[in-house]
């Protein structure tokens, strides 16, 4: 029924999902930072930030390495590394676009 998506397209989707996730995390930081301005939250702020960091690493790893890991587990090594390469390439493309956007602005 549906044609199997190509590795460049899957890599694009994975990198795009990661960028959207990072934007959501950035908005979260902008929302939460004013809440930790008083002196009583000096103990809780690092704990929350470290928990978010660990949780974010897990989510990012699943998004980027999930499909490639399944392919690697199925001994489809070439497809796995091709997908990982395309995802990295699209991620680098987004990085360059963000830098160019900041330079223009």
Protein backbone atom coordinates (compact mmCIF):
# COMPACT_ATOMS: atom_id res chain seq x y z
CA UNK A 1 0.00 0.00 0.00
CA UNK A 2 2.64 2.52 1.07
CA UNK A 3 6.10 2.68 -0.40
CA UNK A 4 8.94 2.28 2.11
CA UNK A 5 10.37 5.75 2.91
CA UNK A 6 13.91 6.42 1.80
CA UNK A 7 16.77 6.89 4.32
CA UNK A 8 17.16 10.60 3.45
CA UNK A 9 13.47 11.18 4.21
CA UNK A 10 13.57 9.22 7.47
CA UNK A 11 16.73 11.13 8.45
CA UNK A 12 14.94 14.39 7.67
CA UNK A 13 11.99 13.38 9.86
CA UNK A 14 14.25 12.33 12.73
CA UNK A 15 16.32 15.54 12.60
CA UNK A 16 13.16 17.65 12.30
CA UNK A 17 11.61 15.91 15.31
CA UNK A 18 14.76 16.60 17.31
CA UNK A 19 14.73 20.29 16.35
CA UNK A 20 11.07 20.59 17.35
CA UNK A 21 11.84 18.87 20.65
CA UNK A 22 14.74 21.25 21.31
CA UNK A 23 12.51 24.25 20.57
CA UNK A 24 9.97 22.94 23.09
CA UNK A 25 12.74 22.52 25.69
CA UNK A 26 13.97 26.08 25.00
CA UNK A 27 10.46 27.43 25.57
CA UNK A 28 10.28 25.40 28.77
CA UNK A 29 13.50 27.04 30.01
CA UNK A 30 12.10 30.48 29.20
CA UNK A 31 8.94 29.64 31.16
CA UNK A 32 10.63 28.05 34.17
CA UNK A 33 13.58 30.41 34.66
CA UNK A 34 11.54 33.25 36.23
CA UNK A 35 10.09 30.79 38.74
CA UNK A 36 13.56 30.17 40.21
CA UNK A 37 14.50 33.77 40.97
CA UNK A 38 14.07 33.58 44.74
CA UNK A 39 16.67 32.25 47.18
CA UNK A 40 14.60 29.27 48.35
CA UNK A 41 14.89 27.51 45.00
CA UNK A 42 18.70 27.38 44.92
CA UNK A 43 18.54 23.74 45.97
CA UNK A 44 15.77 22.63 43.61
CA UNK A 45 16.82 24.39 40.41
CA UNK A 46 19.95 22.28 39.74
CA UNK A 47 18.07 19.08 40.52
CA UNK A 48 15.30 19.92 38.09
CA UNK A 49 17.76 20.98 35.40
CA UNK A 50 19.83 17.81 35.77
CA UNK A 51 16.73 15.62 35.67
CA UNK A 52 15.61 17.43 32.54
CA UNK A 53 19.07 16.98 31.04
CA UNK A 54 19.03 13.22 31.61
CA UNK A 55 15.45 12.90 30.38
CA UNK A 56 16.32 14.99 27.31
CA UNK A 57 19.34 12.81 26.53
CA UNK A 58 17.14 9.71 26.63
CA UNK A 59 14.48 11.25 24.39
CA UNK A 60 17.08 12.57 21.92
CA UNK A 61 18.84 9.21 21.84
CA UNK A 62 15.62 7.40 21.12
CA UNK A 63 14.73 9.83 18.34
CA UNK A 64 18.12 9.68 16.65
CA UNK A 65 19.36 6.16 17.39
CA UNK A 66 16.06 4.28 17.68
CA UNK A 67 15.45 3.24 14.09
CA UNK A 68 19.17 2.90 13.32
CA UNK A 69 19.56 0.67 16.39
CA UNK A 70 16.71 -1.57 15.26
CA UNK A 71 18.28 -1.89 11.81
CA UNK A 72 21.65 -2.65 13.39
CA UNK A 73 20.06 -5.29 15.64
CA UNK A 74 18.55 -6.90 12.53
CA UNK A 75 22.09 -7.06 11.07
CA UNK A 76 21.29 -4.47 8.41
CA UNK A 77 24.50 -2.61 9.09
CA UNK A 78 24.70 -0.63 5.86
CA UNK A 79 21.12 0.64 6.17
CA UNK A 80 21.69 1.50 9.82
CA UNK A 81 24.79 3.60 9.21
CA UNK A 82 23.24 5.17 6.10
CA UNK A 83 20.23 6.29 8.14
CA UNK A 84 22.48 7.59 10.91
CA UNK A 85 24.54 9.49 8.34
CA UNK A 86 21.47 11.09 6.78
CA UNK A 87 20.10 12.05 10.19
CA UNK A 88 23.43 13.63 11.11
CA UNK A 89 23.57 15.45 7.79
CA UNK A 90 20.07 16.87 8.23
CA UNK A 91 20.93 17.85 11.80
CA UNK A 92 24.02 19.68 10.56
CA UNK A 93 21.86 21.38 7.93
CA UNK A 94 19.50 22.63 10.66
CA UNK A 95 22.50 23.80 12.70
CA UNK A 96 23.89 25.80 9.76
CA UNK A 97 20.46 27.26 9.04
CA UNK A 98 20.10 28.39 12.68
CA UNK A 99 23.53 30.03 12.60
CA UNK A 100 22.70 31.78 9.32
CA UNK A 101 19.36 32.89 10.75
CA UNK A 102 21.11 34.38 13.80
CA UNK A 103 23.66 36.14 11.60
CA UNK A 104 20.94 37.73 9.46
CA UNK A 105 18.88 38.79 12.43
